Amino acid sequence: MSIDNQLAAIDLGSNSFRLSIGTIEQRDGISQIYSNDRLKETVRLASGLDEHNYLSEEAIERAINVLKLFGDRIEGFPADRVRAVATNTFRVAKNVNDFLPRAEAALGYPIEVISGQEEARLIFSGVVHELPPSDNKRLVIDIGGGSTEFIIGKGLDPLIVKSLHMGCVSYTQRFFPGGQADETKFKQAELAASKELESIIKPYRKIMWDEVYGSSGTAKALVAVLQECGFSDQGITLEGMEKLKKIILKHGVARVTDLSGLKDSRQEVLPAGLAIMMAIFKALKIERMNQGEGALRVGVLYDLIGRKTAVDKRNESVLQFMQRYHVSQHQAQRVKSLAEYFFDQIFHHDESKKELRQMLSWAAQLHEIGISISQSSYHRHSAYIIENADMPGFSKSDQQLLSLIVLGHQGSLSKLKDISLSGNKENILLTIFCLRLATLLMRKRRPIQQTIEVSVNHSDWTIRASKKWLSDHALTRYSLELESKAWKDLGIHLDIQKTSS
């Protein structure tokens, strides 16, 4: 089978790593994904976190070995058809910056550390895409290794999302070390989960829901065990879980030999997952939960389809932010077009710079959102909002890069000296240069009647403009001279050349 119509999604969870490969098929103008291969490996990455949230070398090695297997399977896939997302353990690990480059080298593709909100959005997308269409409001709950996501949505659109810091691996370490369970540990785990849930009870029960689905490993394991043992005729119920809890307490551990449907890989973390799920049922007064297929990895696949068909969720987020912060559409478009024009002159339509060009475009559209807070140092306000807000579709690293480009578009360049730039530093600086130049030239907030050319030769950058035009526009000429001096502090020689035409 050709890889041309295939997509690959990698879900790097706190408990398991998963790879899903799907084939895109068009039917009646609608894109659908049909799974043709899956790999799942239990890594228990969260169990490698110490009390200071540093990942152990042993856990890192487990992860690296699995990523090499995944990398071998998707070797040769175009980069824009692969998306790897990392969740809670990557978010909290203090040595993630040392671990991430090794992980990306093993996989052979970039890895995005996504926020809990983004994880929840993708989970909901994955689950509902595998369900029949419905106008009902659906509550989707995903208990992962280090976090639990809660989403209420209608159709394909999430209405409210939340990620809480509780998971089957982290709670196993905290309350059920080695999978050992007793009544006291269960009470402690349920109480801890109940406290986490306090923040969502009121807003979630206010919206309410018609159907409830549990996704990923814990829910899947509970459905299988409860039904195989005859504790539930369908899905998960609190009554069924109480029966399961008695069996576990009887032996002090979840044993595969006693629980039909329980896999070896789930044995150790089942008590923790059960305690969390029971707390959720009691807090939200859930009567029955059905199993939801798909989850995060399927959501990632459908998000990739969007990126391939101009329905990129990130575009929607940018447009929503422009509306929310009352950005001038005309000015944003003028700056965007000019910045892209300079970018294309510098990089000569290099396809490998496509994603960076897209980041520049979004930065141009969002660079003025901070004006809604204050005109003074608005670029800093803009950058802060972009880096810290919930922006569906964007990974944490996406938002950091976007924030950096916006931060750099105005003011002193000294702030870039101490910033560690991932990837190619020169290319990122050139991207910032394109936005700075575009905003400088669009200061009057109207199109300029002059062709400006830029070129780059290592650290020698050149701007060419008509001598007469520069003479007629004293403020622009002065601003360009200041710009040349600003880049000099970063070791860049920016020459302003005056042409006869």
Protein backbone atom coordinates (compact mmCIF):
# COMPACT_ATOMS: atom_id res chain seq x y z
CA MET A 1 0.00 0.00 0.00
CA SER A 2 1.34 3.42 -0.99
CA ILE A 3 2.11 5.82 1.85
CA ASP A 4 0.87 8.75 -0.25
CA ASN A 5 -2.68 8.51 1.15
CA GLN A 6 -1.72 7.48 4.66
CA LEU A 7 -1.41 9.44 7.88
CA ALA A 8 0.36 8.47 11.09
CA ALA A 9 -0.55 9.60 14.61
CA ILE A 10 1.63 8.93 17.65
CA ASP A 11 0.16 9.33 21.14
CA LEU A 12 2.89 9.49 23.79
CA GLY A 13 0.87 8.99 26.95
CA SER A 14 2.00 8.70 30.55
CA ASN A 15 1.17 5.00 30.59
CA SER A 16 1.27 3.78 26.99
CA PHE A 17 2.70 4.87 23.66
CA ARG A 18 0.43 4.29 20.66
CA LEU A 19 0.93 4.52 16.91
CA SER A 20 -2.05 4.56 14.55
CA ILE A 21 -1.82 4.58 10.77
CA GLY A 22 -4.89 5.42 8.77
CA THR A 23 -5.77 5.61 5.09
CA ILE A 24 -7.65 8.66 3.80
CA GLU A 25 -10.65 7.93 1.60
CA GLN A 26 -12.91 10.50 -0.03
CA ARG A 27 -16.61 9.68 -0.21
CA ASP A 28 -19.17 12.22 -1.40
CA GLY A 29 -16.65 14.98 -0.79
CA ILE A 30 -16.11 13.93 2.83
CA SER A 31 -12.74 12.67 4.08
CA GLN A 32 -12.79 9.53 6.20
CA ILE A 33 -9.95 7.63 7.88
CA TYR A 34 -9.76 3.85 7.89
CA SER A 35 -7.25 2.26 10.23
CA ASN A 36 -4.80 -0.16 8.67
CA ASP A 37 -2.19 -0.57 11.40
CA ARG A 38 -1.79 0.00 15.14
CA LEU A 39 1.02 -0.43 17.62
CA LYS A 40 0.76 -0.08 21.38
CA GLU A 41 3.51 -0.43 23.96
CA THR A 42 3.19 0.00 27.72
CA VAL A 43 5.96 2.38 28.79
CA ARG A 44 4.76 3.64 32.20
CA LEU A 45 6.64 6.85 31.64
CA ALA A 46 4.96 8.57 34.60
CA SER A 47 6.37 5.95 36.96
CA GLY A 48 9.83 7.26 36.09
CA LEU A 49 9.14 10.67 37.66
CA ASP A 50 10.85 11.25 41.00
CA GLU A 51 9.55 13.48 43.81
CA HIS A 52 10.99 16.53 42.02
CA ASN A 53 9.43 15.58 38.65
CA TYR A 54 12.64 14.51 36.97
CA LEU A 55 12.39 11.53 34.64
CA SER A 56 14.75 8.67 35.40
CA GLU A 57 17.19 7.43 32.79
CA GLU A 58 15.56 4.02 32.98
CA ALA A 59 12.16 5.45 32.00
CA ILE A 60 13.75 7.52 29.25
CA GLU A 61 15.43 4.42 27.82
CA ARG A 62 12.09 2.56 27.80
CA ALA A 63 10.59 5.43 25.86
CA ILE A 64 13.50 5.68 23.42
CA ASN A 65 13.34 1.96 22.62
CA VAL A 66 9.63 2.14 21.79
CA LEU A 67 10.07 5.29 19.71
CA LYS A 68 12.71 3.54 17.64
CA LEU A 69 10.19 0.78 16.86
CA PHE A 70 7.59 3.36 15.86
CA GLY A 71 10.15 5.27 13.80
CA ASP A 72 11.03 2.12 11.88
CA ARG A 73 7.35 1.53 11.05
CA ILE A 74 6.71 5.04 9.66
CA GLU A 75 10.07 5.54 7.98
CA GLY A 76 9.58 7.37 4.71
CA PHE A 77 6.31 9.07 5.65
CA PRO A 78 6.28 12.74 4.60
CA ALA A 79 6.68 15.00 7.61
CA ASP A 80 3.31 16.71 7.02
CA ARG A 81 1.55 13.33 7.28
CA VAL A 82 2.92 12.47 10.71
CA ARG A 83 1.96 14.07 14.00
CA ALA A 84 3.36 12.96 17.34
CA VAL A 85 1.80 14.44 20.48
CA ALA A 86 3.06 14.08 24.04
CA THR A 87 0.85 14.49 27.10
CA ASN A 88 1.02 14.97 30.86
CA THR A 89 4.39 13.42 31.78
CA PHE A 90 6.10 15.46 29.06
CA ARG A 91 4.28 18.53 30.39
CA VAL A 92 5.46 18.12 33.99
CA ALA A 93 8.93 16.56 33.58
CA LYS A 94 11.54 19.16 34.50
CA ASN A 95 14.20 17.51 32.32
CA VAL A 96 11.95 17.32 29.26
CA ASN A 97 14.24 19.66 27.31
CA ASP A 98 17.03 17.10 27.64
CA PHE A 99 14.74 14.17 26.90
CA LEU A 100 12.81 15.61 23.94
CA PRO A 101 15.70 15.87 21.43
CA ARG A 102 16.62 12.23 22.13
CA ALA A 103 13.00 11.18 21.70
CA GLU A 104 12.68 13.05 18.39
CA ALA A 105 15.92 11.54 17.12
CA ALA A 106 14.65 8.05 17.95
CA LEU A 107 11.28 8.62 16.25
CA GLY A 108 12.65 10.58 13.31
CA TYR A 109 9.89 13.21 13.51
CA PRO A 110 9.09 16.25 15.67
CA ILE A 111 7.16 15.70 18.90
CA GLU A 112 4.63 18.26 20.13
CA VAL A 113 4.05 18.63 23.86
CA ILE A 114 0.37 19.57 23.95
CA SER A 115 -1.58 21.27 26.72
CA GLY A 116 -4.25 19.49 28.73
CA GLN A 117 -6.90 21.57 26.95
CA GLU A 118 -5.59 20.58 23.52
CA GLU A 119 -5.38 16.95 24.61
CA ALA A 120 -9.03 17.09 25.68
CA ARG A 121 -10.11 18.63 22.38
CA LEU A 122 -8.34 15.95 20.36
CA ILE A 123 -9.73 13.16 22.55
CA PHE A 124 -13.28 14.41 22.00
CA SER A 125 -12.69 14.62 18.25
CA GLY A 126 -11.35 11.07 18.19
CA VAL A 127 -14.24 9.62 20.17
CA VAL A 128 -17.11 11.35 18.37
CA HIS A 129 -15.69 10.58 14.93
CA GLU A 130 -16.10 6.90 15.82
CA LEU A 131 -19.72 7.36 17.01
CA PRO A 132 -22.93 7.72 14.97
CA PRO A 133 -23.88 11.36 14.28
CA SER A 134 -26.11 12.80 17.00
CA ASP A 135 -27.46 16.11 18.27
CA ASN A 136 -27.12 14.84 21.84
CA LYS A 137 -24.66 16.46 24.20
CA ARG A 138 -21.93 13.95 24.99
CA LEU A 139 -19.63 13.80 27.99
CA VAL A 140 -16.32 12.13 27.21
CA ILE A 141 -13.96 11.15 30.05
CA ASP A 142 -10.43 9.90 29.47
CA ILE A 143 -8.41 8.61 32.43
CA GLY A 144 -4.79 8.58 31.30
CA GLY A 145 -1.60 7.71 33.09
CA GLY A 146 -0.99 11.19 34.51
CA SER A 147 -4.10 13.26 33.80
CA THR A 148 -7.82 12.87 33.23
CA GLU A 149 -9.68 14.84 30.57
CA PHE A 150 -13.35 15.85 30.70
CA ILE A 151 -15.17 17.17 27.65
CA ILE A 152 -18.81 17.99 26.99
CA GLY A 153 -19.59 18.57 23.34
CA LYS A 154 -22.29 18.54 20.72
CA GLY A 155 -21.72 17.18 17.24
CA LEU A 156 -18.00 17.59 16.57
CA ASP A 157 -17.65 20.72 18.69
CA PRO A 158 -16.49 20.68 22.34
CA LEU A 159 -18.48 23.03 24.58
CA ILE A 160 -16.35 22.79 27.73
CA VAL A 161 -13.02 21.03 28.33
CA LYS A 162 -10.92 20.42 31.42
CA SER A 163 -7.80 18.44 32.27
CA LEU A 164 -7.21 17.38 35.89
CA HIS A 165 -3.96 16.15 37.45
CA MET A 166 -4.94 12.59 38.28
CA GLY A 167 -4.13 9.40 36.39
CA CYS A 168 -3.84 5.66 36.83
CA VAL A 169 -0.02 5.63 36.88
CA SER A 170 0.47 8.66 39.13
CA TYR A 171 -2.20 7.39 41.55
CA THR A 172 -0.67 3.90 41.52
CA GLN A 173 2.62 5.38 42.68
CA ARG A 174 0.91 7.59 45.24
CA PHE A 175 -1.69 5.23 46.72
CA PHE A 176 -1.21 1.70 45.34
CA PRO A 177 2.55 1.05 44.99
CA GLY A 178 3.05 -2.24 43.20
CA GLY A 179 -0.71 -2.50 42.68
CA GLN A 180 -1.31 -3.40 46.33
CA ALA A 181 -4.73 -2.26 47.56
CA ASP A 182 -6.65 -2.07 50.82
CA GLU A 183 -9.70 -0.17 52.08
CA THR A 184 -7.65 2.73 53.50
CA LYS A 185 -5.74 3.25 50.24
CA PHE A 186 -8.97 3.18 48.24
CA LYS A 187 -10.54 5.82 50.50
CA GLN A 188 -7.45 8.03 50.25
CA ALA A 189 -7.36 7.73 46.45
CA GLU A 190 -11.08 8.44 46.08
CA LEU A 191 -10.82 11.43 48.40
CA ALA A 192 -7.88 12.87 46.46
CA ALA A 193 -9.76 12.43 43.18
CA SER A 194 -12.90 13.99 44.68
CA LYS A 195 -10.92 17.09 45.66
CA GLU A 196 -9.58 17.38 42.10
CA LEU A 197 -13.13 17.10 40.78
CA GLU A 198 -14.51 19.93 42.91
CA SER A 199 -13.53 22.54 40.32
CA ILE A 200 -15.62 21.02 37.52
CA ILE A 201 -18.75 19.73 39.26
CA LYS A 202 -20.77 22.95 39.10
CA PRO A 203 -19.99 24.06 35.51
CA TYR A 204 -20.31 20.54 34.10
CA ARG A 205 -23.58 19.72 35.81
CA LYS A 206 -24.93 23.11 34.72
CA ILE A 207 -24.39 22.23 31.05
CA MET A 208 -25.36 18.56 31.58
CA TRP A 209 -25.21 15.81 28.98
CA ASP A 210 -27.29 13.09 27.32
CA GLU A 211 -24.65 10.39 26.88
CA VAL A 212 -21.40 9.47 28.64
CA TYR A 213 -18.38 7.76 27.07
CA GLY A 214 -15.11 6.62 28.57
CA SER A 215 -12.09 6.44 26.30
CA SER A 216 -8.62 4.88 26.41
CA GLY A 217 -7.14 2.18 28.64
CA THR A 218 -8.82 2.53 32.04
CA ALA A 219 -12.37 2.78 30.68
CA LYS A 220 -11.72 0.00 28.17
CA ALA A 221 -10.34 -2.28 30.90
CA LEU A 222 -13.24 -1.58 33.24
CA VAL A 223 -15.83 -2.26 30.53
CA ALA A 224 -14.12 -5.55 29.66
CA VAL A 225 -13.78 -6.76 33.27
CA LEU A 226 -17.24 -5.70 34.43
CA GLN A 227 -18.96 -7.35 31.48
CA GLU A 228 -16.82 -10.51 31.47
CA CYS A 229 -17.34 -10.99 35.21
CA GLY A 230 -21.08 -10.35 34.93
CA PHE A 231 -20.91 -7.21 37.08
CA SER A 232 -22.53 -5.12 34.34
CA ASP A 233 -24.68 -6.00 31.36
CA GLN A 234 -23.44 -2.96 29.42
CA GLY A 235 -20.67 -0.43 29.97
CA ILE A 236 -19.60 0.84 33.38
CA THR A 237 -21.90 1.33 36.37
CA LEU A 238 -21.16 2.32 39.96
CA GLU A 239 -22.81 -0.89 41.19
CA GLY A 240 -20.53 -2.96 38.97
CA MET A 241 -17.44 -1.09 40.15
CA GLU A 242 -18.40 -1.68 43.79
CA LYS A 243 -18.45 -5.44 43.09
CA LEU A 244 -15.09 -5.21 41.36
CA LYS A 245 -13.64 -3.25 44.29
CA LYS A 246 -14.67 -6.05 46.71
CA ILE A 247 -12.83 -8.64 44.59
CA ILE A 248 -9.66 -6.52 44.55
CA LEU A 249 -9.82 -5.86 48.30
CA LYS A 250 -10.34 -9.55 48.97
CA HIS A 251 -6.94 -10.37 47.42
CA GLY A 252 -5.25 -7.02 48.03
CA VAL A 253 -4.45 -6.74 44.31
CA ALA A 254 -6.11 -6.98 40.89
CA ARG A 255 -5.29 -10.49 39.66
CA VAL A 256 -5.68 -11.58 36.07
CA THR A 257 -6.58 -15.10 37.24
CA ASP A 258 -9.60 -13.79 39.15
CA LEU A 259 -10.82 -11.10 36.76
CA SER A 260 -11.90 -12.23 33.32
CA GLY A 261 -11.08 -9.69 30.63
CA LEU A 262 -8.18 -8.10 32.52
CA LYS A 263 -4.93 -7.86 30.58
CA ASP A 264 -1.54 -8.30 32.22
CA SER A 265 -0.52 -4.76 31.26
CA ARG A 266 -3.50 -3.33 33.19
CA GLN A 267 -3.16 -5.41 36.35
CA GLU A 268 -0.96 -3.06 38.37
CA VAL A 269 -2.80 0.18 37.52
CA LEU A 270 -6.39 -1.11 37.71
CA PRO A 271 -6.98 -0.26 41.42
CA ALA A 272 -5.95 3.36 40.84
CA GLY A 273 -8.03 3.64 37.68
CA LEU A 274 -11.01 2.13 39.51
CA ALA A 275 -10.70 4.55 42.44
CA ILE A 276 -10.58 7.56 40.10
CA MET A 277 -13.54 6.32 38.05
CA MET A 278 -15.64 5.68 41.16
CA ALA A 279 -14.93 9.21 42.40
CA ILE A 280 -15.97 10.59 38.99
CA PHE A 281 -19.25 8.65 38.99
CA LYS A 282 -20.12 9.87 42.48
CA ALA A 283 -19.12 13.52 41.89
CA LEU A 284 -20.90 13.90 38.54
CA LYS A 285 -23.75 11.49 39.43
CA ILE A 286 -23.17 9.33 36.36
CA GLU A 287 -25.43 6.30 36.05
CA ARG A 288 -23.81 4.50 33.14
CA MET A 289 -20.76 5.02 30.92
CA ASN A 290 -20.34 3.42 27.52
CA GLN A 291 -17.00 2.71 25.88
CA GLY A 292 -15.78 5.27 23.38
CA GLU A 293 -13.39 4.18 20.67
CA GLY A 294 -10.84 6.35 18.94
CA ALA A 295 -9.59 8.73 21.61
CA LEU A 296 -6.49 10.90 21.24
CA ARG A 297 -4.73 9.15 18.37
CA VAL A 298 -7.84 9.19 16.15
CA GLY A 299 -8.40 12.85 16.99
CA VAL A 300 -4.85 13.55 15.87
CA LEU A 301 -5.48 11.74 12.56
CA TYR A 302 -8.60 13.80 11.85
CA ASP A 303 -6.72 16.96 12.81
CA LEU A 304 -4.10 16.03 10.23
CA ILE A 305 -6.83 15.71 7.61
CA GLY A 306 -7.89 19.23 8.51
CA ARG A 307 -4.37 20.51 8.03
CA LYS A 308 -4.24 18.84 4.62
CA THR A 309 -7.60 20.24 3.45
CA ALA A 310 -7.40 23.87 4.60
CA VAL A 311 -9.64 23.22 7.62
CA ASP A 312 -6.71 23.54 9.99
CA LYS A 313 -8.05 24.05 13.52
CA ARG A 314 -5.23 26.50 14.11
CA ASN A 315 -6.65 28.83 11.45
CA GLU A 316 -9.98 28.80 13.28
CA SER A 317 -8.23 29.65 16.57
CA VAL A 318 -6.39 32.59 15.00
CA LEU A 319 -9.59 34.01 13.51
CA GLN A 320 -11.38 33.64 16.84
CA PHE A 321 -8.57 35.48 18.64
CA MET A 322 -8.66 38.29 16.09
CA GLN A 323 -12.38 38.70 16.75
CA ARG A 324 -12.05 38.39 20.52
CA TYR A 325 -9.35 41.08 20.73
CA HIS A 326 -10.87 43.34 18.06
CA VAL A 327 -7.91 43.20 15.69
CA SER A 328 -8.14 45.34 12.54
CA GLN A 329 -8.66 42.82 9.74
CA HIS A 330 -7.36 45.22 7.10
CA GLN A 331 -4.15 46.08 8.93
CA ALA A 332 -3.49 42.43 9.81
CA GLN A 333 -3.92 41.45 6.16
CA ARG A 334 -1.61 44.24 4.96
CA VAL A 335 1.12 43.22 7.40
CA LYS A 336 0.61 39.52 6.65
CA SER A 337 0.89 39.97 2.87
CA LEU A 338 4.02 42.11 3.09
CA ALA A 339 5.71 39.84 5.64
CA GLU A 340 5.01 36.79 3.45
CA TYR A 341 6.38 38.70 0.45
CA PHE A 342 9.67 39.33 2.27
CA PHE A 343 9.79 35.72 3.52
CA ASP A 344 9.43 34.38 -0.02
CA GLN A 345 12.21 36.67 -1.26
CA ILE A 346 14.54 35.35 1.44
CA PHE A 347 13.66 31.64 1.29
CA HIS A 348 12.72 31.41 -2.40
CA HIS A 349 9.50 29.40 -1.79
CA ASP A 350 11.44 26.59 -0.07
CA GLU A 351 8.86 23.87 0.76
CA SER A 352 10.81 22.87 3.87
CA LYS A 353 10.05 26.33 5.32
CA LYS A 354 6.30 25.98 4.74
CA GLU A 355 5.40 25.57 8.43
CA LEU A 356 7.64 28.47 9.47
CA ARG A 357 5.97 30.66 6.82
CA GLN A 358 2.61 29.68 8.26
CA MET A 359 3.79 30.70 11.73
CA LEU A 360 4.79 34.08 10.30
CA SER A 361 1.33 34.50 8.75
CA TRP A 362 -0.41 33.75 12.05
CA ALA A 363 1.98 36.05 13.93
CA ALA A 364 1.12 38.86 11.50
CA GLN A 365 -2.58 38.30 12.10
CA LEU A 366 -2.18 38.27 15.89
CA HIS A 367 0.60 40.78 16.50
CA GLU A 368 -1.79 43.53 17.61
CA ILE A 369 -4.02 41.57 20.01
CA GLY A 370 -2.17 43.10 22.97
CA ILE A 371 -3.41 46.59 22.04
CA SER A 372 -6.72 45.61 23.66
CA ILE A 373 -4.83 45.61 26.98
CA SER A 374 -2.53 48.59 26.48
CA GLN A 375 -0.93 50.47 23.61
CA SER A 376 2.27 50.70 25.63
CA SER A 377 4.45 47.62 25.08
CA TYR A 378 1.51 45.99 23.31
CA HIS A 379 3.84 43.45 21.69
CA ARG A 380 4.66 42.03 25.13
CA HIS A 381 0.97 41.72 25.94
CA SER A 382 0.36 40.04 22.60
CA ALA A 383 3.19 37.58 23.16
CA TYR A 384 2.00 36.76 26.69
CA ILE A 385 -1.55 36.04 25.54
CA ILE A 386 -0.37 33.81 22.69
CA GLU A 387 1.96 31.77 24.90
CA ASN A 388 -0.46 31.27 27.79
CA ALA A 389 -3.96 31.19 26.30
CA ASP A 390 -5.84 28.07 25.27
CA MET A 391 -5.45 27.96 21.48
CA PRO A 392 -7.09 24.81 20.06
CA GLY A 393 -4.96 23.11 17.42
CA PHE A 394 -1.68 24.60 18.63
CA SER A 395 0.88 22.59 20.56
CA LYS A 396 2.83 24.14 23.42
CA SER A 397 5.90 24.51 21.19
CA ASP A 398 3.75 26.07 18.44
CA GLN A 399 2.53 28.73 20.86
CA GLN A 400 6.02 29.38 22.20
CA LEU A 401 7.40 29.96 18.71
CA LEU A 402 4.43 32.09 17.69
CA SER A 403 4.79 34.12 20.88
CA LEU A 404 8.51 34.63 20.23
CA ILE A 405 7.92 35.93 16.69
CA VAL A 406 5.30 38.37 17.96
CA LEU A 407 7.49 39.46 20.89
CA GLY A 408 10.35 40.16 18.50
CA HIS A 409 8.37 42.19 15.98
CA GLN A 410 8.62 45.40 18.02
CA GLY A 411 11.08 47.10 20.34
CA SER A 412 14.64 46.23 21.26
CA LEU A 413 16.18 43.02 19.93
CA SER A 414 18.21 42.51 23.11
CA LYS A 415 15.36 40.33 24.42
CA LEU A 416 16.31 37.70 21.84
CA LYS A 417 19.87 37.32 23.10
CA ASP A 418 19.01 35.19 26.11
CA ILE A 419 16.23 33.19 24.47
CA SER A 420 17.04 29.62 23.51
CA LEU A 421 15.74 29.08 20.00
CA SER A 422 14.92 25.52 18.98
CA GLY A 423 15.54 24.53 15.38
CA ASN A 424 17.47 26.83 13.08
CA LYS A 425 18.13 30.07 14.94
CA GLU A 426 18.99 32.02 11.79
CA ASN A 427 15.71 31.07 10.11
CA ILE A 428 13.69 32.15 13.15
CA LEU A 429 15.53 35.48 13.32
CA LEU A 430 14.85 36.02 9.62
CA THR A 431 11.18 35.30 10.21
CA ILE A 432 11.11 37.90 12.97
CA PHE A 433 12.90 40.30 10.61
CA CYS A 434 10.14 39.85 7.99
CA LEU A 435 7.45 40.76 10.52
CA ARG A 436 9.44 43.70 11.93
CA LEU A 437 9.99 45.14 8.48
CA ALA A 438 6.36 44.66 7.47
CA THR A 439 5.00 46.39 10.59
CA LEU A 440 7.54 49.19 10.22
CA LEU A 441 6.49 49.88 6.63
CA MET A 442 2.77 49.61 7.49
CA ARG A 443 2.98 52.13 10.32
CA LYS A 444 0.65 54.53 8.49
CA ARG A 445 -1.85 51.64 8.18
CA ARG A 446 -2.22 51.95 4.44
CA PRO A 447 -0.54 50.24 1.45
CA ILE A 448 2.83 51.56 0.35
CA GLN A 449 3.31 52.54 -3.27
CA GLN A 450 6.85 51.25 -3.48
CA THR A 451 8.57 47.93 -4.17
CA ILE A 452 10.91 46.91 -1.35
CA GLU A 453 13.40 44.12 -1.93
CA VAL A 454 15.30 42.12 0.66
CA SER A 455 18.15 39.65 0.34
CA VAL A 456 20.29 37.64 2.74
CA ASN A 457 23.83 36.31 2.62
CA HIS A 458 24.61 34.72 5.99
CA SER A 459 24.90 37.61 8.46
CA ASP A 460 24.77 40.25 5.73
CA TRP A 461 21.18 41.36 5.12
CA THR A 462 20.09 43.98 2.59
CA ILE A 463 17.02 46.16 2.10
CA ARG A 464 16.66 47.94 -1.27
CA ALA A 465 14.30 50.85 -1.84
CA SER A 466 14.05 53.84 -4.16
CA LYS A 467 16.26 56.76 -3.19
CA LYS A 468 13.49 59.23 -4.06
CA TRP A 469 10.88 57.29 -2.09
CA LEU A 470 13.12 57.18 0.97
CA SER A 471 13.79 60.89 0.61
CA ASP A 472 10.04 61.58 0.48
CA HIS A 473 9.35 59.42 3.55
CA ALA A 474 11.65 60.77 6.25
CA LEU A 475 10.09 58.81 9.13
CA THR A 476 10.37 55.50 7.27
CA ARG A 477 13.99 56.25 6.34
CA TYR A 478 14.80 57.10 9.95
CA SER A 479 13.05 53.95 11.22
CA LEU A 480 15.02 51.78 8.80
CA GLU A 481 18.27 53.32 9.99
CA LEU A 482 17.31 52.51 13.60
CA GLU A 483 16.44 48.98 12.51
CA SER A 484 19.90 48.56 11.04
CA LYS A 485 21.47 49.62 14.34
CA ALA A 486 19.21 47.24 16.30
CA TRP A 487 20.33 44.18 14.33
CA LYS A 488 23.98 45.16 14.68
CA ASP A 489 23.79 44.20 18.37
CA LEU A 490 22.99 40.62 17.28
CA GLY A 491 25.93 40.47 14.90
CA ILE A 492 23.81 41.17 11.81
CA HIS A 493 24.92 43.75 9.23
CA LEU A 494 21.72 45.25 7.78
CA ASP A 495 22.45 47.47 4.81
CA ILE A 496 19.88 49.97 3.51
CA GLN A 497 20.59 50.38 -0.20
CA LYS A 498 19.04 53.23 -2.17
CA THR A 499 18.21 52.42 -5.77
CA SER A 500 17.63 54.85 -8.63
CA SER A 501 14.18 53.47 -9.49
